[in-house]
Amino acid sequence: MLLFAQSGEINTEETLKIALDELKRNGGNTLLISSTRGNSAMKALELIPKDVRLIVVTHSQGFKQPNTNEFSSELRQKLVSEGHVVLTATHALSGLERSFRREFGGVYPSEIVANALRLFSQGVKVCVEIAVMAADAGLVRCDEWIVSCGGTGEGLDTAMVIKPANSSNFFELQVGTILCMPSAYSS
């Protein structure tokens, strides 16, 4: 496992290279990444070989403001036209519970899981969350290992090998290995 000295966008290219090396080593062909505005997705397009299927998970519609999406619509069209997938869905580890917290206060189970995963790093939480979201959308299988990449704020800084689970069976999800992530110790 590689520990980056700092978190964030500075690690995007190296994270993608590590993830792609893992796919190549294990004969995989699907790379799952998070991308809010599209910068990480654009970098992935530059680096992925033709035989790799890219699944990009974005923030949900209205995440920042009602009726808006932060992801570039032009890039969405480009990805789809090249045979890749863009998934825009409610976050598996916050979604509706965030609304309850804002309205009534308190902490709810999904947010507890999210905060526990953040003890490792924000990227670890994102990798797990997008694997669940992609499984719920039928884009990845729950009986196959995938490579999932997430990050902290902007960019990618974490890559993991995960066997996804649907949200209804969340505790069946398995983490195979953490390939890279930022070190909290050196931040």
C-alpha atoms as a PDB file:
ATOM      1  CA  MET A   1       0.000   0.000   0.000  1.00  0.00           C
ATOM      2  CA  LEU A   2       1.213   3.455  -0.895  1.00  0.00           C
ATOM      3  CA  LEU A   3       0.573   6.270   1.578  1.00  0.00           C
ATOM      4  CA  PHE A   4       0.534   9.730   0.035  1.00  0.00           C
ATOM      5  CA  ALA A   5       2.081  12.560   2.047  1.00  0.00           C
ATOM      6  CA  GLN A   6      -1.003  14.704   1.467  1.00  0.00           C
ATOM      7  CA  SER A   7      -4.575  14.270   0.355  1.00  0.00           C
ATOM      8  CA  GLY A   8      -6.361  15.613  -2.678  1.00  0.00           C
ATOM      9  CA  GLU A   9      -6.089  16.328  -6.353  1.00  0.00           C
ATOM     10  CA  ILE A  10      -2.293  16.225  -6.469  1.00  0.00           C
ATOM     11  CA  ASN A  11      -2.565  12.419  -6.254  1.00  0.00           C
ATOM     12  CA  THR A  12      -5.160  11.880  -8.998  1.00  0.00           C
ATOM     13  CA  GLU A  13      -2.867  10.686 -11.765  1.00  0.00           C
ATOM     14  CA  GLU A  14      -0.820   8.398  -9.494  1.00  0.00           C
ATOM     15  CA  THR A  15      -4.002   6.940  -7.948  1.00  0.00           C
ATOM     16  CA  LEU A  16      -5.379   6.147 -11.402  1.00  0.00           C
ATOM     17  CA  LYS A  17      -2.098   4.533 -12.478  1.00  0.00           C
ATOM     18  CA  ILE A  18      -2.062   2.363  -9.340  1.00  0.00           C
ATOM     19  CA  ALA A  19      -5.692   1.367  -9.947  1.00  0.00           C
ATOM     20  CA  LEU A  20      -5.052   0.542 -13.601  1.00  0.00           C
ATOM     21  CA  ASP A  21      -1.974  -1.517 -12.685  1.00  0.00           C
ATOM     22  CA  GLU A  22      -4.143  -3.518 -10.274  1.00  0.00           C
ATOM     23  CA  LEU A  23      -6.766  -4.100 -12.991  1.00  0.00           C
ATOM     24  CA  LYS A  24      -4.085  -5.270 -15.404  1.00  0.00           C
ATOM     25  CA  ARG A  25      -2.460  -7.547 -12.806  1.00  0.00           C
ATOM     26  CA  ASN A  26      -5.763  -9.246 -11.971  1.00  0.00           C
ATOM     27  CA  GLY A  27      -7.378  -9.271 -15.403  1.00  0.00           C
ATOM     28  CA  GLY A  28     -10.131  -6.821 -14.472  1.00  0.00           C
ATOM     29  CA  ASN A  29     -11.728  -4.466 -16.949  1.00  0.00           C
ATOM     30  CA  THR A  30     -13.923  -2.130 -14.869  1.00  0.00           C
ATOM     31  CA  LEU A  31     -12.659   0.956 -13.085  1.00  0.00           C
ATOM     32  CA  LEU A  32     -15.029   2.753 -10.714  1.00  0.00           C
ATOM     33  CA  ILE A  33     -14.210   6.363  -9.803  1.00  0.00           C
ATOM     34  CA  SER A  34     -15.859   9.329  -8.161  1.00  0.00           C
ATOM     35  CA  SER A  35     -15.882  12.676  -9.951  1.00  0.00           C
ATOM     36  CA  THR A  36     -17.804  15.727  -8.815  1.00  0.00           C
ATOM     37  CA  ARG A  37     -17.187  18.213 -11.613  1.00  0.00           C
ATOM     38  CA  GLY A  38     -15.461  15.918 -14.116  1.00  0.00           C
ATOM     39  CA  ASN A  39     -11.760  16.640 -13.610  1.00  0.00           C
ATOM     40  CA  SER A  40     -10.953  13.133 -12.360  1.00  0.00           C
ATOM     41  CA  ALA A  41     -13.060  11.614 -15.127  1.00  0.00           C
ATOM     42  CA  MET A  42     -11.142  13.619 -17.755  1.00  0.00           C
ATOM     43  CA  LYS A  43      -7.828  12.425 -16.313  1.00  0.00           C
ATOM     44  CA  ALA A  44      -9.101   8.837 -16.315  1.00  0.00           C
ATOM     45  CA  LEU A  45     -10.066   9.158 -19.998  1.00  0.00           C
ATOM     46  CA  GLU A  46      -6.494  10.200 -20.778  1.00  0.00           C
ATOM     47  CA  LEU A  47      -5.002   7.190 -19.005  1.00  0.00           C
ATOM     48  CA  ILE A  48      -7.326   4.208 -19.454  1.00  0.00           C
ATOM     49  CA  PRO A  49      -6.709   1.644 -22.164  1.00  0.00           C
ATOM     50  CA  LYS A  50      -9.465   0.942 -24.675  1.00  0.00           C
ATOM     51  CA  ASP A  51     -10.414  -2.354 -23.015  1.00  0.00           C
ATOM     52  CA  VAL A  52     -11.228  -0.746 -19.634  1.00  0.00           C
ATOM     53  CA  ARG A  53     -14.813   0.194 -18.875  1.00  0.00           C
ATOM     54  CA  LEU A  54     -15.014   3.346 -16.781  1.00  0.00           C
ATOM     55  CA  ILE A  55     -17.885   3.965 -14.367  1.00  0.00           C
ATOM     56  CA  VAL A  56     -17.944   7.519 -13.046  1.00  0.00           C
ATOM     57  CA  VAL A  57     -20.087   8.257  -9.996  1.00  0.00           C
ATOM     58  CA  THR A  58     -21.113  11.885  -9.541  1.00  0.00           C
ATOM     59  CA  HIS A  59     -22.886  13.836  -6.853  1.00  0.00           C
ATOM     60  CA  SER A  60     -26.660  13.551  -6.971  1.00  0.00           C
ATOM     61  CA  GLN A  61     -28.799  16.096  -8.742  1.00  0.00           C
ATOM     62  CA  GLY A  62     -29.374  19.002  -6.345  1.00  0.00           C
ATOM     63  CA  PHE A  63     -26.430  18.075  -4.088  1.00  0.00           C
ATOM     64  CA  LYS A  64     -25.249  21.701  -3.906  1.00  0.00           C
ATOM     65  CA  GLN A  65     -28.280  23.556  -5.244  1.00  0.00           C
ATOM     66  CA  PRO A  66     -31.756  22.413  -6.289  1.00  0.00           C
ATOM     67  CA  ASN A  67     -32.128  21.429  -9.956  1.00  0.00           C
ATOM     68  CA  THR A  68     -28.403  21.525 -10.685  1.00  0.00           C
ATOM     69  CA  ASN A  69     -25.598  19.052 -11.166  1.00  0.00           C
ATOM     70  CA  GLU A  70     -21.936  19.921 -10.778  1.00  0.00           C
ATOM     71  CA  PHE A  71     -20.730  17.385 -13.374  1.00  0.00           C
ATOM     72  CA  SER A  72     -20.003  18.700 -16.860  1.00  0.00           C
ATOM     73  CA  SER A  73     -22.844  17.758 -19.226  1.00  0.00           C
ATOM     74  CA  GLU A  74     -20.436  17.844 -22.190  1.00  0.00           C
ATOM     75  CA  LEU A  75     -18.100  15.392 -20.477  1.00  0.00           C
ATOM     76  CA  ARG A  76     -21.045  13.176 -19.543  1.00  0.00           C
ATOM     77  CA  GLN A  77     -21.983  12.954 -23.230  1.00  0.00           C
ATOM     78  CA  LYS A  78     -18.366  12.228 -24.239  1.00  0.00           C
ATOM     79  CA  LEU A  79     -18.034   9.430 -21.682  1.00  0.00           C
ATOM     80  CA  VAL A  80     -21.292   7.799 -22.750  1.00  0.00           C
ATOM     81  CA  SER A  81     -20.436   8.121 -26.452  1.00  0.00           C
ATOM     82  CA  GLU A  82     -17.164   6.276 -25.768  1.00  0.00           C
ATOM     83  CA  GLY A  83     -18.992   3.412 -24.042  1.00  0.00           C
ATOM     84  CA  HIS A  84     -18.433   4.431 -20.435  1.00  0.00           C
ATOM     85  CA  VAL A  85     -21.073   4.968 -17.744  1.00  0.00           C
ATOM     86  CA  VAL A  86     -21.901   8.019 -15.626  1.00  0.00           C
ATOM     87  CA  LEU A  87     -23.966   7.281 -12.528  1.00  0.00           C
ATOM     88  CA  THR A  88     -25.704  10.164 -10.794  1.00  0.00           C
ATOM     89  CA  ALA A  89     -27.418   8.912  -7.659  1.00  0.00           C
ATOM     90  CA  THR A  90     -28.120   9.660  -4.023  1.00  0.00           C
ATOM     91  CA  HIS A  91     -25.159   8.980  -1.765  1.00  0.00           C
ATOM     92  CA  ALA A  92     -25.526   5.585  -0.172  1.00  0.00           C
ATOM     93  CA  LEU A  93     -24.035   6.707   3.149  1.00  0.00           C
ATOM     94  CA  SER A  94     -25.955   9.922   3.691  1.00  0.00           C
ATOM     95  CA  GLY A  95     -28.822  10.609   1.314  1.00  0.00           C
ATOM     96  CA  LEU A  96     -32.120  10.842   3.139  1.00  0.00           C
ATOM     97  CA  GLU A  97     -30.508  10.652   6.580  1.00  0.00           C
ATOM     98  CA  ARG A  98     -28.714  13.968   5.962  1.00  0.00           C
ATOM     99  CA  SER A  99     -32.133  15.574   5.568  1.00  0.00           C
ATOM    100  CA  PHE A 100     -33.305  14.088   8.891  1.00  0.00           C
ATOM    101  CA  ARG A 101     -30.130  15.301  10.646  1.00  0.00           C
ATOM    102  CA  ARG A 102     -30.588  18.818   9.289  1.00  0.00           C
ATOM    103  CA  GLU A 103     -34.266  18.901  10.235  1.00  0.00           C
ATOM    104  CA  PHE A 104     -34.261  17.103  13.581  1.00  0.00           C
ATOM    105  CA  GLY A 105     -30.634  16.901  14.705  1.00  0.00           C
ATOM    106  CA  GLY A 106     -28.976  13.724  15.869  1.00  0.00           C
ATOM    107  CA  VAL A 107     -26.917  11.126  14.105  1.00  0.00           C
ATOM    108  CA  TYR A 108     -28.257   8.290  11.983  1.00  0.00           C
ATOM    109  CA  PRO A 109     -26.826   4.834  11.142  1.00  0.00           C
ATOM    110  CA  SER A 110     -25.566   5.520   7.606  1.00  0.00           C
ATOM    111  CA  GLU A 111     -23.772   8.626   8.776  1.00  0.00           C
ATOM    112  CA  ILE A 112     -22.169   6.645  11.608  1.00  0.00           C
ATOM    113  CA  VAL A 113     -20.835   4.147   9.048  1.00  0.00           C
ATOM    114  CA  ALA A 114     -19.585   7.028   6.873  1.00  0.00           C
ATOM    115  CA  ASN A 115     -17.805   8.651   9.805  1.00  0.00           C
ATOM    116  CA  ALA A 116     -16.247   5.332  10.840  1.00  0.00           C
ATOM    117  CA  LEU A 117     -14.845   4.902   7.305  1.00  0.00           C
ATOM    118  CA  ARG A 118     -13.525   8.492   7.412  1.00  0.00           C
ATOM    119  CA  LEU A 119     -11.332   7.393  10.334  1.00  0.00           C
ATOM    120  CA  PHE A 120      -9.143   5.860   7.606  1.00  0.00           C
ATOM    121  CA  SER A 121      -9.670   8.695   5.101  1.00  0.00           C
ATOM    122  CA  GLN A 122     -12.393  10.504   3.190  1.00  0.00           C
ATOM    123  CA  GLY A 123     -11.326   8.548   0.120  1.00  0.00           C
ATOM    124  CA  VAL A 124     -11.911   5.209   1.863  1.00  0.00           C
ATOM    125  CA  LYS A 125     -15.471   6.322   2.629  1.00  0.00           C
ATOM    126  CA  VAL A 126     -15.983   7.383  -0.988  1.00  0.00           C
ATOM    127  CA  CYS A 127     -14.585   4.124  -2.427  1.00  0.00           C
ATOM    128  CA  VAL A 128     -16.964   2.049  -0.321  1.00  0.00           C
ATOM    129  CA  GLU A 129     -19.923   4.351  -0.955  1.00  0.00           C
ATOM    130  CA  ILE A 130     -19.611   4.446  -4.741  1.00  0.00           C
ATOM    131  CA  ALA A 131     -19.182   0.653  -4.831  1.00  0.00           C
ATOM    132  CA  VAL A 132     -22.547   0.327  -3.068  1.00  0.00           C
ATOM    133  CA  MET A 133     -24.143   2.931  -5.346  1.00  0.00           C
ATOM    134  CA  ALA A 134     -22.849   1.161  -8.481  1.00  0.00           C
ATOM    135  CA  ALA A 135     -24.067  -2.200  -7.150  1.00  0.00           C
ATOM    136  CA  ASP A 136     -27.514  -0.740  -6.417  1.00  0.00           C
ATOM    137  CA  ALA A 137     -27.634   0.595  -9.987  1.00  0.00           C
ATOM    138  CA  GLY A 138     -26.699  -2.834 -11.398  1.00  0.00           C
ATOM    139  CA  LEU A 139     -23.437  -1.522 -12.870  1.00  0.00           C
ATOM    140  CA  VAL A 140     -21.136  -3.844 -10.908  1.00  0.00           C
ATOM    141  CA  ARG A 141     -21.679  -7.355  -9.619  1.00  0.00           C
ATOM    142  CA  CYS A 142     -21.668  -8.205  -5.921  1.00  0.00           C
ATOM    143  CA  ASP A 143     -19.771 -11.442  -6.483  1.00  0.00           C
ATOM    144  CA  GLU A 144     -16.757  -9.926  -8.272  1.00  0.00           C
ATOM    145  CA  TRP A 145     -13.841  -7.844  -7.054  1.00  0.00           C
ATOM    146  CA  ILE A 146     -13.586  -4.332  -8.500  1.00  0.00           C
ATOM    147  CA  VAL A 147     -11.172  -1.420  -8.211  1.00  0.00           C
ATOM    148  CA  SER A 148     -12.770   1.687  -6.734  1.00  0.00           C
ATOM    149  CA  CYS A 149     -11.168   5.158  -6.537  1.00  0.00           C
ATOM    150  CA  GLY A 150     -12.262   8.105  -4.425  1.00  0.00           C
ATOM    151  CA  GLY A 151     -10.784  11.173  -2.892  1.00  0.00           C
ATOM    152  CA  THR A 152     -10.723  14.010  -0.453  1.00  0.00           C
ATOM    153  CA  GLY A 153     -12.302  17.266  -1.590  1.00  0.00           C
ATOM    154  CA  GLU A 154     -11.076  17.382  -5.169  1.00  0.00           C
ATOM    155  CA  GLY A 155      -9.343  14.676  -7.141  1.00  0.00           C
ATOM    156  CA  LEU A 156      -8.562  11.056  -6.362  1.00  0.00           C
ATOM    157  CA  ASP A 157      -6.209   9.941  -3.603  1.00  0.00           C
ATOM    158  CA  THR A 158      -7.506   6.505  -2.630  1.00  0.00           C
ATOM    159  CA  ALA A 159      -7.811   3.234  -4.546  1.00  0.00           C
ATOM    160  CA  MET A 160      -9.221   0.018  -3.115  1.00  0.00           C
ATOM    161  CA  VAL A 161     -10.075  -3.488  -4.241  1.00  0.00           C
ATOM    162  CA  ILE A 162     -13.653  -4.133  -3.112  1.00  0.00           C
ATOM    163  CA  LYS A 163     -16.271  -6.813  -3.501  1.00  0.00           C
ATOM    164  CA  PRO A 164     -19.398  -4.609  -3.600  1.00  0.00           C
ATOM    165  CA  ALA A 165     -22.715  -5.215  -1.900  1.00  0.00           C
ATOM    166  CA  ASN A 166     -26.143  -3.730  -2.431  1.00  0.00           C
ATOM    167  CA  SER A 167     -27.169  -1.211   0.217  1.00  0.00           C
ATOM    168  CA  SER A 168     -29.768  -3.658   1.517  1.00  0.00           C
ATOM    169  CA  ASN A 169     -26.911  -6.091   2.241  1.00  0.00           C
ATOM    170  CA  PHE A 170     -24.246  -3.515   3.117  1.00  0.00           C
ATOM    171  CA  PHE A 171     -22.412  -5.705   5.631  1.00  0.00           C
ATOM    172  CA  GLU A 172     -21.662  -8.264   2.912  1.00  0.00           C
ATOM    173  CA  LEU A 173     -19.310  -5.743   1.253  1.00  0.00           C
ATOM    174  CA  GLN A 174     -15.678  -6.847   1.465  1.00  0.00           C
ATOM    175  CA  VAL A 175     -12.545  -4.749   1.331  1.00  0.00           C
ATOM    176  CA  GLY A 176      -9.806  -6.768  -0.335  1.00  0.00           C
ATOM    177  CA  THR A 177      -7.017  -4.250  -0.032  1.00  0.00           C
ATOM    178  CA  ILE A 178      -6.280  -0.566   0.104  1.00  0.00           C
ATOM    179  CA  LEU A 179      -3.929   0.158  -2.785  1.00  0.00           C
ATOM    180  CA  CYS A 180      -3.207   3.773  -1.871  1.00  0.00           C
ATOM    181  CA  MET A 181      -4.543   6.508   0.388  1.00  0.00           C
ATOM    182  CA  PRO A 182      -3.334   9.696   2.064  1.00  0.00           C
ATOM    183  CA  SER A 183      -1.528   9.336   5.375  1.00  0.00           C
ATOM    184  CA  ALA A 184      -3.161  11.263   8.204  1.00  0.00           C
ATOM    185  CA  TYR A 185       0.125  11.055  10.051  1.00  0.00           C
ATOM    186  CA  SER A 186       2.019  13.223   7.582  1.00  0.00           C
ATOM    187  CA  SER A 187      -0.774  15.713   6.807  1.00  0.00           C
END
